[in-house]
Amino acid sequence: MKYAVSPSPAQALDLLNDGRKAMATIVGRCRIEYSGRAKSFLDYGDRLIILKPDGTVMVHGDTKREPLNWQPPGTRVTYSLAEDGLAIEAKRSSPPERMHIHFKDIHAISVFRLDDVAEIDLVGEESDIKDRIEKDPSVIEPGLRIVRREVTTESGFIDLLCEDRDGKTVIVEVKRTSVSPSAVYQLEAYLIDFRKKNPKAQVRGILCAPRISGMARVLIEEKGMEYREIGYEFELNDKKQRSLDNF
C-alpha cells in the first residue's frame, strides 16, 4: 500500500499513475460535474472518492449509503493536473457519459491492491423462498399446486402461477421482507393482465412475506386479495466443515 497525507496535486497524480491497476481512495475538497443522461453540478465540499481497477468510480459524502455520483465498471478513467489541482475524468461511450472531478485540496490518498478471490455465499433471497414454497405449496394453503414459475405478463413476471383445490387460478407474489403498498399494486397489475387474457378464469391473488405494513394490509383487503405470512430460517453452508467422506 502507498499513501500520502496532504499531498500536492503532483504527488497525488504520481501515486495514481503508478497504481493504475490498483484500488485508490482519495479524501479531499472537490467539485463534481456530470453530463450524460442528465446534467448535475456539485460544488466544492469534502468527499471520499473510490476508484476501482475495473473502472468503477464512486463519490461519497459523509451520510447515507448511496454515492452522490458514480460510474460503473468499464469506465475510462484518466488523471491530470488542471486549475492548480488534481483532475479526474471518467468517460463512457455507451451511453455517452462524462464525470469530471476537480480537487482543490487533497487531505489523504491511498493506493493498494486487494487480494480477494472469495465468492459471496448468499441465502434467503426471494428465489430461495420460492424454492421452498415449490417443494411444499401447502405452506400457503392445503391443496395448492404449483403450475409454473416466472410467468410473463405485460406488467412483469408472476412469481408463482398456481391452482387451488377448487381449480381456481392463484397468482402468488413473494417478497423476502415486508409487503409494501407498491407490492399490492404490483400483484393487482398481474391479476388485471391475467384476466385480460383469460376473461372467464376465476383468479385469486396472494402475497407471501414475513411481514406486512398496516397500509398494505388495508389495501389487500380493499382489493380482495390475500396475505400469507411466510418466513424461513436459512443457513449458510460451512465450506470449511468436513464430513466423514473426507476421511
C-alpha atoms as a PDB file:
ATOM      1  CA  MET A   1       0.000   0.000   0.000  1.00  0.00           C
ATOM      2  CA  LYS A   2       1.100   3.526  -0.772  1.00  0.00           C
ATOM      3  CA  TYR A   3      -0.468   6.536   0.878  1.00  0.00           C
ATOM      4  CA  ALA A   4       0.109  10.190   1.485  1.00  0.00           C
ATOM      5  CA  VAL A   5      -1.376  12.772   3.823  1.00  0.00           C
ATOM      6  CA  SER A   6      -1.961  16.259   2.418  1.00  0.00           C
ATOM      7  CA  PRO A   7      -0.035  15.519  -0.815  1.00  0.00           C
ATOM      8  CA  SER A   8       0.487  18.091  -3.521  1.00  0.00           C
ATOM      9  CA  PRO A   9      -1.554  17.594  -6.716  1.00  0.00           C
ATOM     10  CA  ALA A  10       1.601  16.389  -8.493  1.00  0.00           C
ATOM     11  CA  GLN A  11       2.352  13.837  -5.759  1.00  0.00           C
ATOM     12  CA  ALA A  12      -1.222  12.535  -5.883  1.00  0.00           C
ATOM     13  CA  LEU A  13      -1.035  12.268  -9.673  1.00  0.00           C
ATOM     14  CA  ASP A  14       2.181  10.227  -9.459  1.00  0.00           C
ATOM     15  CA  LEU A  15       0.593   7.825  -6.957  1.00  0.00           C
ATOM     16  CA  LEU A  16      -2.454   7.311  -9.167  1.00  0.00           C
ATOM     17  CA  ASN A  17      -0.407   6.787 -12.327  1.00  0.00           C
ATOM     18  CA  ASP A  18       1.871   4.302 -10.561  1.00  0.00           C
ATOM     19  CA  GLY A  19      -1.121   2.299  -9.335  1.00  0.00           C
ATOM     20  CA  ARG A  20      -3.382   2.203 -12.383  1.00  0.00           C
ATOM     21  CA  LYS A  21      -4.350  -1.443 -11.812  1.00  0.00           C
ATOM     22  CA  ALA A  22      -4.950  -0.913  -8.121  1.00  0.00           C
ATOM     23  CA  MET A  23      -7.713   0.404  -5.863  1.00  0.00           C
ATOM     24  CA  ALA A  24      -7.430   4.051  -4.866  1.00  0.00           C
ATOM     25  CA  THR A  25      -9.216   6.198  -2.315  1.00  0.00           C
ATOM     26  CA  ILE A  26      -8.998   9.964  -2.139  1.00  0.00           C
ATOM     27  CA  VAL A  27     -10.380  12.188   0.593  1.00  0.00           C
ATOM     28  CA  GLY A  28     -10.430  15.846  -0.282  1.00  0.00           C
ATOM     29  CA  ARG A  29     -12.270  19.003  -1.185  1.00  0.00           C
ATOM     30  CA  CYS A  30     -13.622  18.519  -4.671  1.00  0.00           C
ATOM     31  CA  ARG A  31     -16.159  19.646  -7.270  1.00  0.00           C
ATOM     32  CA  ILE A  32     -18.095  17.201  -9.447  1.00  0.00           C
ATOM     33  CA  GLU A  33     -19.609  17.915 -12.849  1.00  0.00           C
ATOM     34  CA  TYR A  34     -21.641  15.278 -14.677  1.00  0.00           C
ATOM     35  CA  SER A  35     -23.216  15.192 -18.137  1.00  0.00           C
ATOM     36  CA  GLY A  36     -24.910  12.332 -19.926  1.00  0.00           C
ATOM     37  CA  ARG A  37     -28.437  11.057 -19.426  1.00  0.00           C
ATOM     38  CA  ALA A  38     -28.900  14.198 -17.326  1.00  0.00           C
ATOM     39  CA  LYS A  39     -26.701  17.008 -16.009  1.00  0.00           C
ATOM     40  CA  SER A  40     -25.552  17.763 -12.476  1.00  0.00           C
ATOM     41  CA  PHE A  41     -23.141  20.047 -10.674  1.00  0.00           C
ATOM     42  CA  LEU A  42     -21.869  19.617  -7.115  1.00  0.00           C
ATOM     43  CA  ASP A  43     -19.740  22.472  -5.818  1.00  0.00           C
ATOM     44  CA  TYR A  44     -16.667  22.091  -3.634  1.00  0.00           C
ATOM     45  CA  GLY A  45     -17.012  20.030  -0.479  1.00  0.00           C
ATOM     46  CA  ASP A  46     -15.138  17.343   1.449  1.00  0.00           C
ATOM     47  CA  ARG A  47     -15.813  13.922  -0.092  1.00  0.00           C
ATOM     48  CA  LEU A  48     -14.496  10.402  -0.442  1.00  0.00           C
ATOM     49  CA  ILE A  49     -13.680   9.193  -3.959  1.00  0.00           C
ATOM     50  CA  ILE A  50     -13.245   5.458  -4.583  1.00  0.00           C
ATOM     51  CA  LEU A  51     -11.541   4.345  -7.796  1.00  0.00           C
ATOM     52  CA  LYS A  52     -11.544   0.626  -8.639  1.00  0.00           C
ATOM     53  CA  PRO A  53      -9.321  -1.148 -11.170  1.00  0.00           C
ATOM     54  CA  ASP A  54     -12.365  -2.220 -13.226  1.00  0.00           C
ATOM     55  CA  GLY A  55     -13.224   1.423 -13.949  1.00  0.00           C
ATOM     56  CA  THR A  56     -15.824   1.886 -11.201  1.00  0.00           C
ATOM     57  CA  VAL A  57     -15.838   5.401  -9.714  1.00  0.00           C
ATOM     58  CA  MET A  58     -17.862   6.375  -6.644  1.00  0.00           C
ATOM     59  CA  VAL A  59     -18.257   9.728  -4.917  1.00  0.00           C
ATOM     60  CA  HIS A  60     -19.421   9.562  -1.297  1.00  0.00           C
ATOM     61  CA  GLY A  61     -20.411  12.211   1.214  1.00  0.00           C
ATOM     62  CA  ASP A  62     -20.384  11.706   4.979  1.00  0.00           C
ATOM     63  CA  THR A  63     -24.003  10.476   5.181  1.00  0.00           C
ATOM     64  CA  LYS A  64     -26.202   7.847   3.537  1.00  0.00           C
ATOM     65  CA  ARG A  65     -25.316   4.586   1.840  1.00  0.00           C
ATOM     66  CA  GLU A  66     -25.755   5.648  -1.780  1.00  0.00           C
ATOM     67  CA  PRO A  67     -22.985   7.541  -3.591  1.00  0.00           C
ATOM     68  CA  LEU A  68     -23.571  11.147  -4.605  1.00  0.00           C
ATOM     69  CA  ASN A  69     -22.407  10.230  -8.086  1.00  0.00           C
ATOM     70  CA  TRP A  70     -20.863   7.182  -9.688  1.00  0.00           C
ATOM     71  CA  GLN A  71     -19.745   5.465 -12.874  1.00  0.00           C
ATOM     72  CA  PRO A  72     -19.919   1.698 -13.464  1.00  0.00           C
ATOM     73  CA  PRO A  73     -17.259  -0.876 -14.420  1.00  0.00           C
ATOM     74  CA  GLY A  74     -15.788  -0.290 -17.867  1.00  0.00           C
ATOM     75  CA  THR A  75     -15.491   3.467 -17.431  1.00  0.00           C
ATOM     76  CA  ARG A  76     -12.317   5.015 -18.879  1.00  0.00           C
ATOM     77  CA  VAL A  77     -10.603   6.993 -16.121  1.00  0.00           C
ATOM     78  CA  THR A  78      -7.801   9.490 -16.688  1.00  0.00           C
ATOM     79  CA  TYR A  79      -5.870  11.751 -14.307  1.00  0.00           C
ATOM     80  CA  SER A  80      -4.292  15.153 -14.928  1.00  0.00           C
ATOM     81  CA  LEU A  81      -3.347  18.476 -13.352  1.00  0.00           C
ATOM     82  CA  ALA A  82      -5.729  21.347 -14.007  1.00  0.00           C
ATOM     83  CA  GLU A  83      -6.608  24.660 -12.341  1.00  0.00           C
ATOM     84  CA  ASP A  84      -3.809  24.165  -9.787  1.00  0.00           C
ATOM     85  CA  GLY A  85      -5.306  20.872  -8.643  1.00  0.00           C
ATOM     86  CA  LEU A  86      -5.817  17.200  -9.417  1.00  0.00           C
ATOM     87  CA  ALA A  87      -8.461  16.391 -12.032  1.00  0.00           C
ATOM     88  CA  ILE A  88     -10.133  13.035 -12.645  1.00  0.00           C
ATOM     89  CA  GLU A  89     -12.055  12.421 -15.861  1.00  0.00           C
ATOM     90  CA  ALA A  90     -14.412   9.421 -16.059  1.00  0.00           C
ATOM     91  CA  LYS A  91     -15.930   8.775 -19.504  1.00  0.00           C
ATOM     92  CA  ARG A  92     -18.228   6.214 -21.096  1.00  0.00           C
ATOM     93  CA  SER A  93     -19.248   5.915 -24.723  1.00  0.00           C
ATOM     94  CA  SER A  94     -22.376   3.768 -24.366  1.00  0.00           C
ATOM     95  CA  PRO A  95     -24.331   5.548 -23.134  1.00  0.00           C
ATOM     96  CA  PRO A  96     -22.288   8.755 -23.558  1.00  0.00           C
ATOM     97  CA  GLU A  97     -21.455   9.995 -20.055  1.00  0.00           C
ATOM     98  CA  ARG A  98     -18.764  12.185 -18.532  1.00  0.00           C
ATOM     99  CA  MET A  99     -17.927  12.881 -14.905  1.00  0.00           C
ATOM    100  CA  HIS A 100     -15.265  15.460 -14.090  1.00  0.00           C
ATOM    101  CA  ILE A 101     -13.844  15.694 -10.566  1.00  0.00           C
ATOM    102  CA  HIS A 102     -11.562  18.566  -9.580  1.00  0.00           C
ATOM    103  CA  PHE A 103      -9.746  18.665  -6.238  1.00  0.00           C
ATOM    104  CA  LYS A 104      -8.998  21.982  -4.617  1.00  0.00           C
ATOM    105  CA  ASP A 105      -7.379  20.242  -1.621  1.00  0.00           C
ATOM    106  CA  ILE A 106      -6.390  16.613  -1.036  1.00  0.00           C
ATOM    107  CA  HIS A 107      -6.443  15.535   2.602  1.00  0.00           C
ATOM    108  CA  ALA A 108      -5.290  11.933   2.063  1.00  0.00           C
ATOM    109  CA  ILE A 109      -4.782   9.417  -0.725  1.00  0.00           C
ATOM    110  CA  SER A 110      -4.114   5.673  -0.660  1.00  0.00           C
ATOM    111  CA  VAL A 111      -3.372   3.214  -3.452  1.00  0.00           C
ATOM    112  CA  PHE A 112      -3.394  -0.537  -2.821  1.00  0.00           C
ATOM    113  CA  ARG A 113      -4.134  -3.941  -4.342  1.00  0.00           C
ATOM    114  CA  LEU A 114      -6.729  -6.240  -2.805  1.00  0.00           C
ATOM    115  CA  ASP A 115      -6.185  -9.999  -2.655  1.00  0.00           C
ATOM    116  CA  ASP A 116      -9.756 -11.302  -2.755  1.00  0.00           C
ATOM    117  CA  VAL A 117     -10.787 -14.387  -4.762  1.00  0.00           C
ATOM    118  CA  ALA A 118     -13.623 -15.493  -2.471  1.00  0.00           C
ATOM    119  CA  GLU A 119     -17.198 -15.541  -3.768  1.00  0.00           C
ATOM    120  CA  ILE A 120     -20.131 -14.408  -1.643  1.00  0.00           C
ATOM    121  CA  ASP A 121     -22.424 -17.169  -0.422  1.00  0.00           C
ATOM    122  CA  LEU A 122     -25.894 -15.651  -0.213  1.00  0.00           C
ATOM    123  CA  VAL A 123     -29.067 -17.330   1.021  1.00  0.00           C
ATOM    124  CA  GLY A 124     -32.528 -16.050   1.882  1.00  0.00           C
ATOM    125  CA  GLU A 125     -33.277 -14.381  -1.452  1.00  0.00           C
ATOM    126  CA  GLU A 126     -36.744 -14.447  -2.986  1.00  0.00           C
ATOM    127  CA  SER A 127     -35.657 -17.347  -5.219  1.00  0.00           C
ATOM    128  CA  ASP A 128     -34.825 -19.410  -2.104  1.00  0.00           C
ATOM    129  CA  ILE A 129     -38.280 -18.742  -0.658  1.00  0.00           C
ATOM    130  CA  LYS A 130     -39.907 -19.694  -3.985  1.00  0.00           C
ATOM    131  CA  ASP A 131     -37.919 -22.939  -3.977  1.00  0.00           C
ATOM    132  CA  ARG A 132     -39.224 -23.775  -0.503  1.00  0.00           C
ATOM    133  CA  ILE A 133     -42.808 -22.993  -1.497  1.00  0.00           C
ATOM    134  CA  GLU A 134     -42.457 -25.071  -4.670  1.00  0.00           C
ATOM    135  CA  LYS A 135     -41.321 -28.051  -2.606  1.00  0.00           C
ATOM    136  CA  ASP A 136     -44.255 -27.664  -0.216  1.00  0.00           C
ATOM    137  CA  PRO A 137     -47.087 -25.420  -1.541  1.00  0.00           C
ATOM    138  CA  SER A 138     -49.198 -26.347   1.493  1.00  0.00           C
ATOM    139  CA  VAL A 139     -47.293 -23.689   3.483  1.00  0.00           C
ATOM    140  CA  ILE A 140     -49.560 -21.226   1.638  1.00  0.00           C
ATOM    141  CA  GLU A 141     -52.698 -23.352   1.874  1.00  0.00           C
ATOM    142  CA  PRO A 142     -53.630 -27.058   1.734  1.00  0.00           C
ATOM    143  CA  GLY A 143     -54.284 -28.426  -1.742  1.00  0.00           C
ATOM    144  CA  LEU A 144     -52.372 -25.701  -3.588  1.00  0.00           C
ATOM    145  CA  ARG A 145     -50.477 -26.861  -6.681  1.00  0.00           C
ATOM    146  CA  ILE A 146     -47.692 -25.008  -8.493  1.00  0.00           C
ATOM    147  CA  VAL A 147     -48.361 -24.796 -12.239  1.00  0.00           C
ATOM    148  CA  ARG A 148     -45.469 -22.592 -13.421  1.00  0.00           C
ATOM    149  CA  ARG A 149     -42.804 -20.195 -12.200  1.00  0.00           C
ATOM    150  CA  GLU A 150     -41.850 -16.809 -13.648  1.00  0.00           C
ATOM    151  CA  VAL A 151     -44.841 -16.342 -15.938  1.00  0.00           C
ATOM    152  CA  THR A 152     -44.557 -13.303 -18.232  1.00  0.00           C
ATOM    153  CA  THR A 153     -47.244 -10.613 -18.244  1.00  0.00           C
ATOM    154  CA  GLU A 154     -47.382  -7.069 -19.627  1.00  0.00           C
ATOM    155  CA  SER A 155     -46.581  -5.754 -16.129  1.00  0.00           C
ATOM    156  CA  GLY A 156     -43.737  -8.125 -15.286  1.00  0.00           C
ATOM    157  CA  PHE A 157     -43.167 -11.685 -14.112  1.00  0.00           C
ATOM    158  CA  ILE A 158     -45.588 -13.625 -11.929  1.00  0.00           C
ATOM    159  CA  ASP A 159     -43.544 -15.413  -9.271  1.00  0.00           C
ATOM    160  CA  LEU A 160     -45.748 -18.493  -8.958  1.00  0.00           C
ATOM    161  CA  LEU A 161     -48.777 -19.407 -11.029  1.00  0.00           C
ATOM    162  CA  CYS A 162     -50.797 -21.916  -9.013  1.00  0.00           C
ATOM    163  CA  GLU A 163     -54.121 -23.749  -8.815  1.00  0.00           C
ATOM    164  CA  ASP A 164     -56.078 -24.255  -5.609  1.00  0.00           C
ATOM    165  CA  ARG A 165     -58.015 -27.354  -4.574  1.00  0.00           C
ATOM    166  CA  ASP A 166     -61.170 -25.951  -6.212  1.00  0.00           C
ATOM    167  CA  GLY A 167     -59.454 -25.480  -9.579  1.00  0.00           C
ATOM    168  CA  LYS A 168     -59.173 -21.692  -9.319  1.00  0.00           C
ATOM    169  CA  THR A 169     -56.046 -19.980 -10.596  1.00  0.00           C
ATOM    170  CA  VAL A 170     -53.904 -18.414  -7.875  1.00  0.00           C
ATOM    171  CA  ILE A 171     -51.219 -15.812  -8.597  1.00  0.00           C
ATOM    172  CA  VAL A 172     -48.619 -15.743  -5.828  1.00  0.00           C
ATOM    173  CA  GLU A 173     -46.189 -12.859  -5.345  1.00  0.00           C
ATOM    174  CA  VAL A 174     -43.257 -13.482  -2.974  1.00  0.00           C
ATOM    175  CA  LYS A 175     -41.384 -10.815  -1.006  1.00  0.00           C
ATOM    176  CA  ARG A 176     -38.394 -11.589   1.205  1.00  0.00           C
ATOM    177  CA  THR A 177     -39.026  -8.618   3.509  1.00  0.00           C
ATOM    178  CA  SER A 178     -42.140  -6.603   4.288  1.00  0.00           C
ATOM    179  CA  VAL A 179     -45.095  -6.219   1.938  1.00  0.00           C
ATOM    180  CA  SER A 180     -45.484  -2.560   0.988  1.00  0.00           C
ATOM    181  CA  PRO A 181     -48.346  -0.839  -0.870  1.00  0.00           C
ATOM    182  CA  SER A 182     -46.298  -0.972  -4.089  1.00  0.00           C
ATOM    183  CA  ALA A 183     -46.214  -4.780  -3.833  1.00  0.00           C
ATOM    184  CA  VAL A 184     -50.018  -4.816  -3.572  1.00  0.00           C
ATOM    185  CA  TYR A 185     -50.331  -2.687  -6.722  1.00  0.00           C
ATOM    186  CA  GLN A 186     -47.816  -4.948  -8.458  1.00  0.00           C
ATOM    187  CA  LEU A 187     -49.902  -8.052  -7.714  1.00  0.00           C
ATOM    188  CA  GLU A 188     -53.047  -6.213  -8.783  1.00  0.00           C
ATOM    189  CA  ALA A 189     -51.423  -5.446 -12.161  1.00  0.00           C
ATOM    190  CA  TYR A 190     -50.633  -9.153 -12.646  1.00  0.00           C
ATOM    191  CA  LEU A 191     -54.251 -10.065 -11.877  1.00  0.00           C
ATOM    192  CA  ILE A 192     -55.526  -7.486 -14.379  1.00  0.00           C
ATOM    193  CA  ASP A 193     -53.138  -8.758 -17.078  1.00  0.00           C
ATOM    194  CA  PHE A 194     -54.142 -12.380 -16.463  1.00  0.00           C
ATOM    195  CA  ARG A 195     -57.866 -11.598 -16.555  1.00  0.00           C
ATOM    196  CA  LYS A 196     -57.479  -9.735 -19.854  1.00  0.00           C
ATOM    197  CA  LYS A 197     -56.105 -12.876 -21.477  1.00  0.00           C
ATOM    198  CA  ASN A 198     -58.384 -15.240 -19.549  1.00  0.00           C
ATOM    199  CA  PRO A 199     -61.701 -13.380 -19.066  1.00  0.00           C
ATOM    200  CA  LYS A 200     -63.594 -16.487 -17.896  1.00  0.00           C
ATOM    201  CA  ALA A 201     -60.989 -17.595 -15.346  1.00  0.00           C
ATOM    202  CA  GLN A 202     -61.536 -17.279 -11.613  1.00  0.00           C
ATOM    203  CA  VAL A 203     -58.342 -15.814 -10.213  1.00  0.00           C
ATOM    204  CA  ARG A 204     -57.092 -15.161  -6.698  1.00  0.00           C
ATOM    205  CA  GLY A 205     -54.055 -13.143  -5.667  1.00  0.00           C
ATOM    206  CA  ILE A 206     -51.856 -13.970  -2.668  1.00  0.00           C
ATOM    207  CA  LEU A 207     -48.885 -12.018  -1.321  1.00  0.00           C
ATOM    208  CA  CYS A 208     -46.373 -14.042   0.714  1.00  0.00           C
ATOM    209  CA  ALA A 209     -43.827 -12.401   3.007  1.00  0.00           C
ATOM    210  CA  PRO A 210     -42.517 -12.484   6.598  1.00  0.00           C
ATOM    211  CA  ARG A 211     -44.473  -9.325   7.477  1.00  0.00           C
ATOM    212  CA  ILE A 212     -46.768  -6.658   6.078  1.00  0.00           C
ATOM    213  CA  SER A 213     -47.227  -2.930   6.659  1.00  0.00           C
ATOM    214  CA  GLY A 214     -50.515  -1.656   8.032  1.00  0.00           C
ATOM    215  CA  MET A 215     -51.325   0.316   4.886  1.00  0.00           C
ATOM    216  CA  ALA A 216     -50.583  -2.697   2.667  1.00  0.00           C
ATOM    217  CA  ARG A 217     -52.903  -4.877   4.765  1.00  0.00           C
ATOM    218  CA  VAL A 218     -55.744  -2.383   4.310  1.00  0.00           C
ATOM    219  CA  LEU A 219     -55.110  -2.249   0.543  1.00  0.00           C
ATOM    220  CA  ILE A 220     -55.093  -6.039   0.238  1.00  0.00           C
ATOM    221  CA  GLU A 221     -58.462  -6.284   1.951  1.00  0.00           C
ATOM    222  CA  GLU A 222     -59.916  -3.457  -0.165  1.00  0.00           C
ATOM    223  CA  LYS A 223     -58.810  -5.127  -3.389  1.00  0.00           C
ATOM    224  CA  GLY A 224     -59.992  -8.603  -2.417  1.00  0.00           C
ATOM    225  CA  MET A 225     -56.540 -10.152  -2.301  1.00  0.00           C
ATOM    226  CA  GLU A 226     -54.917 -12.259   0.419  1.00  0.00           C
ATOM    227  CA  TYR A 227     -51.762 -12.253   2.545  1.00  0.00           C
ATOM    228  CA  ARG A 228     -49.849 -15.236   3.913  1.00  0.00           C
ATOM    229  CA  GLU A 229     -47.134 -14.814   6.497  1.00  0.00           C
ATOM    230  CA  ILE A 230     -44.224 -16.962   5.389  1.00  0.00           C
ATOM    231  CA  GLY A 231     -40.772 -16.762   6.898  1.00  0.00           C
ATOM    232  CA  TYR A 232     -37.874 -19.173   6.729  1.00  0.00           C
ATOM    233  CA  GLU A 233     -34.612 -19.512   8.595  1.00  0.00           C
ATOM    234  CA  PHE A 234     -31.805 -20.066   6.086  1.00  0.00           C
ATOM    235  CA  GLU A 235     -28.372 -21.386   6.987  1.00  0.00           C
ATOM    236  CA  LEU A 236     -25.147 -20.841   5.117  1.00  0.00           C
ATOM    237  CA  ASN A 237     -23.220 -23.957   4.200  1.00  0.00           C
ATOM    238  CA  ASP A 238     -19.996 -24.174   6.167  1.00  0.00           C
ATOM    239  CA  LYS A 239     -17.486 -24.806   3.409  1.00  0.00           C
ATOM    240  CA  LYS A 240     -14.783 -25.489   5.989  1.00  0.00           C
ATOM    241  CA  GLN A 241     -16.819 -28.232   7.634  1.00  0.00           C
ATOM    242  CA  ARG A 242     -15.599 -31.720   6.811  1.00  0.00           C
ATOM    243  CA  SER A 243     -17.710 -34.835   6.632  1.00  0.00           C
ATOM    244  CA  LEU A 244     -16.795 -38.483   7.204  1.00  0.00           C
ATOM    245  CA  ASP A 245     -16.450 -38.846   3.434  1.00  0.00           C
ATOM    246  CA  ASN A 246     -13.254 -36.788   3.624  1.00  0.00           C
ATOM    247  CA  PHE A 247     -11.523 -39.433   5.704  1.00  0.00           C
END
